[in-house]
Amino acid sequence: MIDLTVNSDALNRTIELAKERNIIIPTLKQQRDPSLIPEKIIDKLKHVGLWDLDPLNLFRICWHNEPKIHGGGYSGANYLEFPEEITGTKARIIAVVGKYFPTGAHKVGAAFGCLVPRLVTGQFDPSKQKAVWPSTGNYCRGGAYDSALLGCESIAILPEQMSKERFEWLQKVAGQIIKTPGSESNVKEIFDKCWELRHSGEDLVIFNQFDELGNYLWHHEVTGPAIKSVLDTLMTDGNKVRGLISATGSGGTIASGDFLKKQFSECKIVACEALQCPTLLNNGFGAHRIEGIGDKHIPWIHNTKNTDFIIAMDDNIPMNLIRLFNEPAGKNLLKEKGVSDEIINTLDLIGISGASNLASAIKFAKYNELTQNDFVVTVLTDSMDLYGSRLNELTKECGSFSDSDAKVVYSKDLLGLTIDNMEELTYYGKKRIHNLKYYTWVEQQGKTYEEIQEQWYNEAYWTSIIDKVDEIDGFIESFNKKTGLLEKL
């Protein structure tokens, strides 16, 4: 569970470091609702770029940033609504947008949720220890960024086959980069590297997104409310929220569904994965190209008992869709089909996993025969800013994206999506998935049999995580008070 035991000596050293580096830490409540952020911080942000390595950008770790590269304030949560000309269904499919976080991806928030509780209790000492960020992509970027802002040395771990944009950016920010064998589905190799580091004798703390409950907490308390804030502006009488669609990944983002279910009783939680590595659907394995979602195991922090559907997505579909949404022939076809220029010009907000989430949302809407009164929500973790190299690779591999290619992809991978490779989970279907945790976490990673049973049979296991929010915020407020920086602004 989330441990908030205080180490006073380390905490005092961290407070002194924060004074030296002008580090003020936002509370979870401020990330959830930026109207709670002091005006003097908002004024200073007018002179700070969205990706700058400035501690003030800790206050931009939220879904409500004004969509500007430099000097933006706060607005409503950024989102897209996809028209029927794209989805082929009358259901209203909405996606919150991750591009306007620092680093261009929402994983910077998950990393914050893992690091900050230990920092403000003195459990992590940045004056002596290194923060290790094992990841299949964006999480280690977020962790390295947060570390830089919070005065911590960092080690980023990610598979060697991830997009070159990730590595190029990490070289400027992370203290050290470790490339592990394989692609996004090679998670065990990342875990093996973590064990190697644990036994290396170096003084470090490993923030493993797949088992860090702070990841679950941040998405439940920040991403979930951001999605609800969008729905509150769009819904009218008679509307219903039918589903939250999320790649399982680390098990963090899908926690927003646990929040939404409490607000909208008819909302189903839909876990997505790659068909080429159908771990949830078929206890399977393999490699795929939907970058950053992780596979071949069930994350420790995934509340499987609260998951209602599985969708396995053929990775050819999102790869085709990013070409349709970004190549000239694709944009021209979408315009012919009646998609507005306004929408076409925002489709680069959809990265590869976002395209998979969109296709999964369409399949879910078709399976459930949803209507114009039904909302389906999903998440665009990142944007095409991180995948330009993938478009170039696809051109080299498949040739230029022609008008006929665009017609085939539009017909087959949008309007032609079917309800294959899906499962509506029963009680025992959910338990089957939960039981898969045993082989990774109890046999390999040191978790206990008692805790895995607690996750399934005791609902209080999950609610007790959320109950820590006020306590964590109290520690953050106390930390800021001891530095005295907020008062000096």
Protein backbone atom coordinates (compact mmCIF):
# COMPACT_ATOMS: atom_id res chain seq x y z
CA MET A 1 0.00 0.00 0.00
CA ILE A 2 1.01 3.68 -0.08
CA ASP A 3 3.35 4.17 2.87
CA LEU A 4 3.54 7.68 4.32
CA THR A 5 6.02 7.01 7.11
CA VAL A 6 8.27 10.04 7.62
CA ASN A 7 12.07 9.96 7.49
CA SER A 8 12.88 13.29 9.13
CA ASP A 9 16.59 13.48 8.27
CA ALA A 10 16.05 12.85 4.57
CA LEU A 11 13.05 15.18 4.53
CA ASN A 12 15.08 18.02 6.02
CA ARG A 13 17.77 17.55 3.37
CA THR A 14 15.11 17.58 0.65
CA ILE A 15 13.59 20.78 2.02
CA GLU A 16 17.00 22.48 1.87
CA LEU A 17 17.49 21.29 -1.70
CA ALA A 18 14.05 22.63 -2.62
CA LYS A 19 14.98 26.03 -1.17
CA GLU A 20 18.14 26.12 -3.29
CA ARG A 21 16.29 25.18 -6.49
CA ASN A 22 13.05 27.15 -5.93
CA ILE A 23 10.88 24.03 -5.93
CA ILE A 24 7.22 24.46 -4.96
CA ILE A 25 5.08 21.34 -5.25
CA PRO A 26 1.40 21.39 -6.31
CA THR A 27 -1.17 19.36 -4.42
CA LEU A 28 -3.24 16.67 -6.09
CA LYS A 29 -6.28 18.90 -5.58
CA GLN A 30 -4.58 21.70 -7.52
CA GLN A 31 -3.73 19.34 -10.37
CA ARG A 32 -7.35 18.23 -10.38
CA ASP A 33 -8.69 21.81 -10.20
CA PRO A 34 -6.20 24.49 -11.33
CA SER A 35 -8.49 27.26 -10.05
CA LEU A 36 -6.96 26.41 -6.64
CA ILE A 37 -3.45 27.37 -7.85
CA PRO A 38 -2.26 30.75 -6.45
CA GLU A 39 -2.47 33.64 -8.91
CA LYS A 40 1.18 34.54 -8.38
CA ILE A 41 2.19 31.13 -9.77
CA ILE A 42 -0.18 31.49 -12.72
CA ASP A 43 1.35 34.91 -13.47
CA LYS A 44 4.88 33.49 -13.45
CA LEU A 45 3.86 30.66 -15.80
CA LYS A 46 3.11 33.28 -18.46
CA HIS A 47 6.88 33.45 -19.00
CA VAL A 48 7.56 29.68 -19.01
CA GLY A 49 7.46 27.27 -21.96
CA LEU A 50 5.34 24.13 -21.65
CA TRP A 51 8.36 21.79 -21.87
CA ASP A 52 10.88 24.00 -20.04
CA LEU A 53 12.88 22.40 -17.23
CA ASP A 54 11.46 24.89 -14.77
CA PRO A 55 10.05 23.75 -11.39
CA LEU A 56 7.02 25.97 -12.01
CA ASN A 57 5.96 23.46 -14.67
CA LEU A 58 5.03 21.07 -11.86
CA PHE A 59 1.85 23.16 -11.82
CA ARG A 60 1.24 22.26 -15.46
CA ILE A 61 0.93 18.56 -14.66
CA CYS A 62 -2.80 18.59 -15.30
CA TRP A 63 -5.35 18.12 -18.11
CA HIS A 64 -6.45 21.78 -18.08
CA ASN A 65 -3.46 23.54 -19.65
CA GLU A 66 -4.23 26.13 -22.27
CA PRO A 67 -3.11 24.53 -25.58
CA LYS A 68 -0.08 26.77 -26.05
CA ILE A 69 3.60 25.89 -26.29
CA HIS A 70 4.67 28.93 -24.25
CA GLY A 71 3.10 31.04 -21.54
CA GLY A 72 -0.30 29.40 -21.40
CA GLY A 73 -2.67 29.53 -18.47
CA TYR A 74 -5.53 27.16 -17.74
CA SER A 75 -8.78 26.38 -19.53
CA GLY A 76 -11.22 23.51 -19.68
CA ALA A 77 -9.73 20.03 -20.06
CA ASN A 78 -8.48 19.54 -23.63
CA TYR A 79 -10.53 17.04 -25.63
CA LEU A 80 -11.66 15.96 -29.08
CA GLU A 81 -15.11 14.76 -30.12
CA PHE A 82 -15.01 12.52 -33.19
CA PRO A 83 -17.79 12.99 -35.77
CA GLU A 84 -19.85 10.18 -37.23
CA GLU A 85 -17.96 10.58 -40.52
CA ILE A 86 -14.91 9.17 -38.69
CA THR A 87 -16.51 6.73 -36.26
CA GLY A 88 -19.31 5.30 -38.38
CA THR A 89 -21.52 5.28 -35.28
CA LYS A 90 -23.98 7.74 -33.81
CA ALA A 91 -22.51 7.32 -30.32
CA ARG A 92 -20.63 10.38 -29.10
CA ILE A 93 -16.99 9.37 -28.77
CA ILE A 94 -14.86 11.78 -26.73
CA ALA A 95 -11.11 11.70 -25.99
CA VAL A 96 -9.13 13.83 -23.55
CA VAL A 97 -5.85 15.07 -25.05
CA GLY A 98 -2.42 14.38 -23.51
CA LYS A 99 -0.29 16.54 -25.82
CA TYR A 100 -0.56 19.63 -23.65
CA PHE A 101 1.18 18.15 -20.65
CA PRO A 102 4.88 18.93 -20.25
CA THR A 103 6.73 16.25 -22.30
CA GLY A 104 3.66 15.98 -24.55
CA ALA A 105 2.23 12.98 -22.69
CA HIS A 106 0.08 12.47 -19.59
CA LYS A 107 2.49 9.94 -18.05
CA VAL A 108 4.30 12.86 -16.44
CA GLY A 109 1.34 12.88 -14.04
CA ALA A 110 1.62 9.20 -13.20
CA ALA A 111 5.31 9.70 -12.42
CA PHE A 112 4.43 12.64 -10.16
CA GLY A 113 1.94 10.45 -8.28
CA CYS A 114 4.68 7.88 -7.64
CA LEU A 115 7.58 10.20 -6.73
CA VAL A 116 6.09 13.07 -4.75
CA PRO A 117 4.55 11.12 -1.82
CA ARG A 118 7.99 9.63 -1.11
CA LEU A 119 9.73 12.95 -1.61
CA VAL A 120 7.58 14.91 0.86
CA THR A 121 7.83 12.19 3.51
CA GLY A 122 11.59 11.77 3.18
CA GLN A 123 11.30 8.20 1.90
CA PHE A 124 13.23 9.30 -1.19
CA ASP A 125 16.32 11.43 -0.65
CA PRO A 126 17.34 13.29 -3.84
CA SER A 127 20.58 14.43 -2.19
CA LYS A 128 21.80 10.82 -2.09
CA GLN A 129 19.57 8.57 -4.17
CA LYS A 130 18.74 8.16 -7.85
CA ALA A 131 15.19 7.70 -9.15
CA VAL A 132 14.82 4.77 -11.54
CA TRP A 133 12.00 4.87 -14.08
CA PRO A 134 11.27 1.52 -15.80
CA SER A 135 8.94 2.01 -18.73
CA THR A 136 7.86 1.11 -22.24
CA GLY A 137 8.12 4.75 -23.27
CA ASN A 138 6.34 7.82 -21.94
CA TYR A 139 6.48 7.01 -18.23
CA CYS A 140 10.28 7.10 -18.09
CA ARG A 141 10.16 10.37 -20.01
CA GLY A 142 7.72 11.74 -17.45
CA GLY A 143 9.81 10.40 -14.58
CA ALA A 144 13.03 11.91 -15.95
CA TYR A 145 11.25 15.24 -16.43
CA ASP A 146 9.74 15.25 -12.94
CA SER A 147 13.12 14.28 -11.52
CA ALA A 148 14.79 17.20 -13.28
CA LEU A 149 12.17 19.62 -11.93
CA LEU A 150 12.40 18.20 -8.41
CA GLY A 151 16.20 18.13 -8.23
CA CYS A 152 16.60 14.34 -8.48
CA GLU A 153 19.07 12.29 -10.50
CA SER A 154 17.28 9.84 -12.79
CA ILE A 155 17.80 6.59 -14.67
CA ALA A 156 15.38 5.90 -17.55
CA ILE A 157 14.82 2.30 -18.64
CA LEU A 158 12.96 1.49 -21.86
CA PRO A 159 13.05 -1.04 -24.73
CA GLU A 160 15.58 -0.38 -27.46
CA GLN A 161 12.94 -0.53 -30.22
CA MET A 162 10.91 2.46 -29.03
CA SER A 163 10.65 5.50 -31.31
CA LYS A 164 13.83 7.50 -31.80
CA GLU A 165 12.01 10.70 -30.72
CA ARG A 166 11.81 9.32 -27.19
CA PHE A 167 15.52 8.57 -27.01
CA GLU A 168 16.55 11.91 -28.53
CA TRP A 169 14.56 13.81 -25.91
CA LEU A 170 15.71 11.61 -23.01
CA GLN A 171 19.35 12.26 -23.87
CA LYS A 172 18.78 15.92 -22.94
CA VAL A 173 16.96 15.26 -19.66
CA ALA A 174 17.70 11.86 -18.06
CA GLY A 175 20.91 11.31 -16.11
CA GLN A 176 21.27 7.83 -17.60
CA ILE A 177 19.41 5.81 -20.24
CA ILE A 178 19.30 2.02 -20.21
CA LYS A 179 18.01 0.26 -23.33
CA THR A 180 16.56 -3.20 -22.73
CA PRO A 181 16.03 -5.86 -25.44
CA GLY A 182 12.89 -5.90 -27.55
CA SER A 183 9.85 -3.69 -27.98
CA GLU A 184 6.87 -2.48 -25.97
CA SER A 185 5.80 -6.05 -25.19
CA ASN A 186 9.13 -6.95 -23.55
CA VAL A 187 8.23 -5.86 -20.03
CA LYS A 188 9.94 -8.72 -18.18
CA GLU A 189 13.29 -7.61 -19.59
CA ILE A 190 12.66 -4.22 -17.95
CA PHE A 191 11.84 -5.91 -14.64
CA ASP A 192 15.01 -8.02 -14.91
CA LYS A 193 17.07 -4.86 -15.34
CA CYS A 194 15.44 -3.45 -12.21
CA TRP A 195 16.52 -6.51 -10.20
CA GLU A 196 20.03 -6.08 -11.55
CA LEU A 197 20.08 -2.48 -10.38
CA ARG A 198 18.72 -3.43 -6.95
CA HIS A 199 21.70 -5.72 -6.46
CA SER A 200 24.23 -3.24 -7.91
CA GLY A 201 25.00 -1.54 -4.61
CA GLU A 202 23.93 1.88 -5.93
CA ASP A 203 21.69 3.95 -3.68
CA LEU A 204 18.52 4.20 -5.74
CA VAL A 205 14.74 3.87 -5.60
CA ILE A 206 12.83 2.11 -8.37
CA PHE A 207 9.48 3.66 -9.26
CA ASN A 208 7.89 0.80 -11.18
CA GLN A 209 4.71 2.16 -12.77
CA PHE A 210 3.23 -1.33 -13.00
CA ASP A 211 3.09 -1.79 -9.21
CA GLU A 212 3.25 1.77 -7.84
CA LEU A 213 -0.14 2.55 -6.34
CA GLY A 214 0.58 6.27 -6.66
CA ASN A 215 0.06 5.73 -10.41
CA TYR A 216 -3.45 4.36 -9.75
CA LEU A 217 -4.14 7.18 -7.29
CA TRP A 218 -3.11 10.00 -9.64
CA HIS A 219 -5.29 8.81 -12.50
CA HIS A 220 -8.27 8.15 -10.25
CA GLU A 221 -8.02 11.60 -8.68
CA VAL A 222 -6.86 13.70 -11.65
CA THR A 223 -7.65 11.96 -14.96
CA GLY A 224 -11.09 10.71 -13.89
CA PRO A 225 -12.30 14.16 -12.77
CA ALA A 226 -10.86 15.75 -15.93
CA ILE A 227 -12.95 13.41 -18.08
CA LYS A 228 -16.01 14.12 -15.96
CA SER A 229 -15.47 17.87 -16.35
CA VAL A 230 -15.67 17.44 -20.14
CA LEU A 231 -18.79 15.29 -19.90
CA ASP A 232 -20.43 17.85 -17.60
CA THR A 233 -20.14 20.46 -20.36
CA LEU A 234 -21.59 18.18 -23.06
CA MET A 235 -24.27 16.01 -21.47
CA THR A 236 -27.94 16.86 -21.40
CA ASP A 237 -31.03 15.10 -20.04
CA GLY A 238 -31.30 11.57 -21.39
CA ASN A 239 -27.57 11.17 -22.06
CA LYS A 240 -25.65 8.29 -20.52
CA VAL A 241 -21.94 7.51 -20.16
CA ARG A 242 -21.60 3.97 -21.47
CA GLY A 243 -17.88 3.28 -21.39
CA LEU A 244 -14.32 4.30 -20.54
CA ILE A 245 -11.88 2.87 -23.07
CA SER A 246 -8.23 2.50 -22.09
CA ALA A 247 -5.24 0.42 -23.08
CA THR A 248 -4.23 -1.44 -19.94
CA GLY A 249 -0.61 -0.31 -20.16
CA SER A 250 0.63 0.08 -16.60
CA GLY A 251 -2.88 -0.16 -15.15
CA GLY A 252 -2.82 3.55 -14.26
CA THR A 253 -5.00 5.35 -16.81
CA ILE A 254 -7.72 2.72 -16.58
CA ALA A 255 -8.11 3.71 -12.91
CA SER A 256 -9.96 6.78 -14.19
CA GLY A 257 -12.72 4.33 -15.04
CA ASP A 258 -13.02 3.39 -11.37
CA PHE A 259 -13.71 7.08 -10.67
CA LEU A 260 -16.20 7.43 -13.54
CA LYS A 261 -18.14 4.32 -12.51
CA LYS A 262 -18.88 5.99 -9.19
CA GLN A 263 -20.31 9.01 -11.02
CA PHE A 264 -22.13 7.17 -13.84
CA SER A 265 -23.50 3.79 -12.80
CA GLU A 266 -24.00 2.57 -16.38
CA CYS A 267 -20.37 3.19 -17.34
CA LYS A 268 -18.40 0.07 -18.34
CA ILE A 269 -14.60 -0.13 -18.09
CA VAL A 270 -13.00 -1.46 -21.27
CA ALA A 271 -9.41 -2.74 -21.26
CA CYS A 272 -7.61 -2.72 -24.61
CA GLU A 273 -4.50 -4.57 -25.72
CA ALA A 274 -2.80 -5.64 -28.95
CA LEU A 275 -4.24 -8.65 -30.76
CA GLN A 276 -0.67 -9.69 -31.52
CA CYS A 277 -0.11 -10.05 -27.75
CA PRO A 278 -3.54 -11.06 -26.36
CA THR A 279 -2.66 -11.45 -22.67
CA LEU A 280 -6.08 -10.54 -21.28
CA LEU A 281 -8.16 -12.05 -24.08
CA ASN A 282 -6.34 -15.32 -24.51
CA ASN A 283 -3.56 -15.58 -21.88
CA GLY A 284 -1.32 -15.00 -24.90
CA PHE A 285 1.99 -13.41 -25.78
CA GLY A 286 3.83 -11.87 -28.72
CA ALA A 287 5.22 -8.59 -30.07
CA HIS A 288 3.34 -5.64 -31.54
CA ARG A 289 3.62 -2.00 -32.62
CA ILE A 290 1.20 -0.13 -30.33
CA GLU A 291 3.96 1.71 -28.52
CA GLY A 292 3.98 2.19 -24.79
CA ILE A 293 1.11 -0.04 -23.64
CA GLY A 294 3.15 -2.96 -22.20
CA ASP A 295 2.04 -6.59 -22.21
CA LYS A 296 2.65 -10.25 -21.30
CA HIS A 297 1.55 -9.62 -17.73
CA ILE A 298 -1.27 -8.03 -15.74
CA PRO A 299 -0.16 -4.88 -13.92
CA TRP A 300 -0.31 -5.17 -10.14
CA ILE A 301 -2.29 -1.92 -9.93
CA HIS A 302 -4.99 -2.97 -12.45
CA ASN A 303 -8.26 -3.39 -10.57
CA THR A 304 -9.39 -6.28 -12.78
CA LYS A 305 -12.53 -6.97 -10.75
CA ASN A 306 -13.88 -3.63 -11.93
CA THR A 307 -13.13 -4.26 -15.63
CA ASP A 308 -16.10 -5.19 -17.85
CA PHE A 309 -14.80 -5.69 -21.39
CA ILE A 310 -11.63 -6.69 -23.22
CA ILE A 311 -10.83 -5.57 -26.75
CA ALA A 312 -7.79 -6.91 -28.59
CA MET A 313 -6.78 -4.53 -31.38
CA ASP A 314 -4.88 -5.63 -34.48
CA ASP A 315 -1.85 -3.34 -34.47
CA ASN A 316 -2.18 -2.83 -38.24
CA ILE A 317 -5.27 -0.73 -37.56
CA PRO A 318 -3.67 2.09 -35.53
CA MET A 319 -0.64 2.07 -37.82
CA ASN A 320 -2.97 2.53 -40.79
CA LEU A 321 -4.97 5.19 -38.99
CA ILE A 322 -1.99 7.40 -38.20
CA ARG A 323 -1.26 7.42 -41.94
CA LEU A 324 -4.88 8.23 -42.78
CA PHE A 325 -4.95 11.07 -40.23
CA ASN A 326 -1.60 12.61 -41.15
CA GLU A 327 -0.77 11.93 -44.82
CA PRO A 328 -2.15 14.34 -47.47
CA ALA A 329 -4.16 11.62 -49.25
CA GLY A 330 -5.86 10.68 -46.00
CA LYS A 331 -6.71 14.25 -45.08
CA ASN A 332 -8.12 14.87 -48.56
CA LEU A 333 -10.36 11.83 -48.32
CA LEU A 334 -11.64 12.78 -44.88
CA LYS A 335 -12.55 16.20 -46.22
CA GLU A 336 -14.44 14.56 -49.09
CA LYS A 337 -16.34 12.47 -46.55
CA GLY A 338 -17.54 15.60 -44.78
CA VAL A 339 -15.05 15.87 -41.93
CA SER A 340 -14.47 19.54 -41.13
CA ASP A 341 -11.11 21.24 -41.55
CA GLU A 342 -11.21 22.01 -37.82
CA ILE A 343 -11.28 18.29 -36.96
CA ILE A 344 -8.79 17.28 -39.67
CA ASN A 345 -6.30 19.82 -38.36
CA THR A 346 -6.46 18.28 -34.86
CA LEU A 347 -5.98 14.63 -35.82
CA ASP A 348 -2.23 14.89 -35.19
CA LEU A 349 -3.20 14.98 -31.50
CA ILE A 350 -3.69 11.21 -31.80
CA GLY A 351 -0.62 9.04 -31.25
CA ILE A 352 -0.45 5.32 -31.98
CA SER A 353 -2.05 4.15 -28.73
CA GLY A 354 -4.64 6.92 -29.10
CA ALA A 355 -5.57 5.59 -32.54
CA SER A 356 -5.95 2.14 -30.99
CA ASN A 357 -8.15 3.58 -28.23
CA LEU A 358 -10.31 5.36 -30.81
CA ALA A 359 -10.78 2.17 -32.85
CA SER A 360 -11.58 0.27 -29.64
CA ALA A 361 -14.19 2.88 -28.71
CA ILE A 362 -15.84 2.42 -32.11
CA LYS A 363 -15.91 -1.37 -31.66
CA PHE A 364 -17.40 -0.96 -28.18
CA ALA A 365 -20.10 1.38 -29.51
CA LYS A 366 -20.99 -1.08 -32.27
CA TYR A 367 -21.05 -4.08 -29.93
CA ASN A 368 -23.48 -2.32 -27.59
CA GLU A 369 -25.53 -0.71 -30.41
CA LEU A 370 -25.12 2.71 -28.87
CA THR A 371 -27.09 5.76 -30.02
CA GLN A 372 -26.68 9.52 -30.14
CA ASN A 373 -27.67 9.65 -26.46
CA ASP A 374 -24.67 7.55 -25.42
CA PHE A 375 -21.18 8.82 -24.59
CA VAL A 376 -18.00 6.77 -24.84
CA VAL A 377 -14.81 8.32 -23.48
CA THR A 378 -11.16 7.51 -24.02
CA VAL A 379 -7.66 8.97 -23.65
CA LEU A 380 -5.05 10.22 -26.12
CA THR A 381 -1.89 9.59 -24.12
CA ASP A 382 0.39 11.43 -26.55
CA SER A 383 0.43 12.86 -30.08
CA MET A 384 2.18 12.40 -33.42
CA ASP A 385 4.99 14.63 -32.14
CA LEU A 386 6.55 11.39 -30.90
CA TYR A 387 5.97 9.30 -34.02
CA GLY A 388 7.11 11.24 -37.06
CA SER A 389 9.84 8.65 -37.56
CA ARG A 390 7.22 5.90 -37.64
CA LEU A 391 5.45 7.58 -40.57
CA ASN A 392 8.74 7.70 -42.44
CA GLU A 393 9.37 4.02 -41.67
CA LEU A 394 5.91 3.08 -42.92
CA THR A 395 6.55 4.95 -46.16
CA LYS A 396 9.81 3.06 -46.67
CA GLU A 397 8.15 -0.24 -45.81
CA CYS A 398 4.84 0.13 -47.67
CA GLY A 399 5.38 2.91 -50.18
CA SER A 400 3.73 6.32 -50.25
CA PHE A 401 0.17 6.56 -48.90
CA SER A 402 -1.97 6.90 -52.01
CA ASP A 403 -5.57 7.94 -52.61
CA SER A 404 -6.55 4.29 -53.00
CA ASP A 405 -4.74 3.41 -49.74
CA ALA A 406 -6.73 6.11 -47.97
CA LYS A 407 -10.02 4.72 -49.30
CA VAL A 408 -9.16 1.18 -48.17
CA VAL A 409 -8.11 2.28 -44.67
CA TYR A 410 -11.15 4.51 -44.23
CA SER A 411 -13.50 1.76 -45.37
CA LYS A 412 -11.84 -1.11 -43.50
CA ASP A 413 -10.27 0.39 -40.36
CA LEU A 414 -12.90 2.98 -39.47
CA LEU A 415 -16.32 2.33 -41.01
CA GLY A 416 -15.61 -1.41 -41.39
CA LEU A 417 -14.59 -2.13 -37.80
CA THR A 418 -16.40 -5.17 -36.42
CA ILE A 419 -17.03 -6.69 -33.00
CA ASP A 420 -14.45 -9.46 -33.32
CA ASN A 421 -11.72 -10.07 -30.73
CA MET A 422 -13.84 -8.77 -27.85
CA GLU A 423 -15.03 -10.31 -24.61
CA GLU A 424 -17.71 -9.11 -22.20
CA LEU A 425 -16.37 -10.31 -18.88
CA THR A 426 -18.25 -12.42 -16.39
CA TYR A 427 -17.25 -12.64 -12.72
CA TYR A 428 -15.01 -15.60 -13.52
CA GLY A 429 -13.64 -13.94 -16.63
CA LYS A 430 -12.46 -11.09 -14.43
CA LYS A 431 -11.04 -13.54 -11.91
CA ARG A 432 -9.16 -15.38 -14.67
CA ILE A 433 -7.37 -12.14 -15.54
CA HIS A 434 -6.68 -11.30 -11.90
CA ASN A 435 -5.18 -14.73 -11.30
CA LEU A 436 -2.59 -14.08 -14.03
CA LYS A 437 -1.01 -11.54 -11.68
CA TYR A 438 0.28 -14.39 -9.55
CA TYR A 439 2.86 -15.59 -12.05
CA THR A 440 4.50 -12.18 -12.51
CA TRP A 441 4.08 -10.55 -9.15
CA VAL A 442 4.11 -13.31 -6.53
CA GLU A 443 6.43 -15.78 -8.24
CA GLN A 444 8.84 -13.25 -9.78
CA GLN A 445 8.53 -9.81 -8.17
CA GLY A 446 8.16 -10.50 -4.45
CA LYS A 447 4.50 -9.68 -3.84
CA THR A 448 2.62 -11.84 -1.33
CA TYR A 449 -0.16 -14.38 -1.75
CA GLU A 450 -2.08 -12.55 0.99
CA GLU A 451 -2.05 -9.24 -0.88
CA ILE A 452 -3.14 -10.70 -4.20
CA GLN A 453 -6.09 -12.26 -2.38
CA GLU A 454 -6.80 -8.93 -0.67
CA GLN A 455 -6.98 -7.19 -4.05
CA TRP A 456 -9.74 -9.54 -5.19
CA TYR A 457 -11.81 -10.14 -2.08
CA ASN A 458 -11.58 -6.82 -0.23
CA GLU A 459 -12.91 -3.72 -1.97
CA ALA A 460 -11.33 -1.63 0.78
CA TYR A 461 -7.93 -2.45 -0.73
CA TRP A 462 -8.68 -0.05 -3.58
CA THR A 463 -10.66 2.56 -1.65
CA SER A 464 -7.88 2.82 0.94
CA ILE A 465 -5.56 4.07 -1.81
CA ILE A 466 -7.92 6.94 -2.58
CA ASP A 467 -8.31 7.68 1.12
CA LYS A 468 -4.65 8.81 1.14
CA VAL A 469 -5.30 11.92 -0.98
CA ASP A 470 -5.91 14.39 1.85
CA GLU A 471 -2.96 13.05 3.81
CA ILE A 472 -0.61 13.33 0.83
CA ASP A 473 -1.81 16.86 0.11
CA GLY A 474 -1.22 17.70 3.77
CA PHE A 475 2.40 16.55 3.47
CA ILE A 476 2.83 18.63 0.30
CA GLU A 477 1.41 21.74 1.97
CA SER A 478 3.65 21.21 4.99
CA PHE A 479 6.68 20.77 2.70
CA ASN A 480 5.93 24.04 0.89
CA LYS A 481 5.41 25.86 4.16
CA LYS A 482 8.80 24.67 5.44
CA THR A 483 10.60 25.87 2.31
CA GLY A 484 8.89 29.26 2.60
CA LEU A 485 9.08 29.72 -1.17
CA LEU A 486 5.37 30.21 -1.79
CA GLU A 487 5.24 33.14 0.60
CA LYS A 488 8.29 34.74 -1.05
CA LEU A 489 6.85 34.70 -4.58
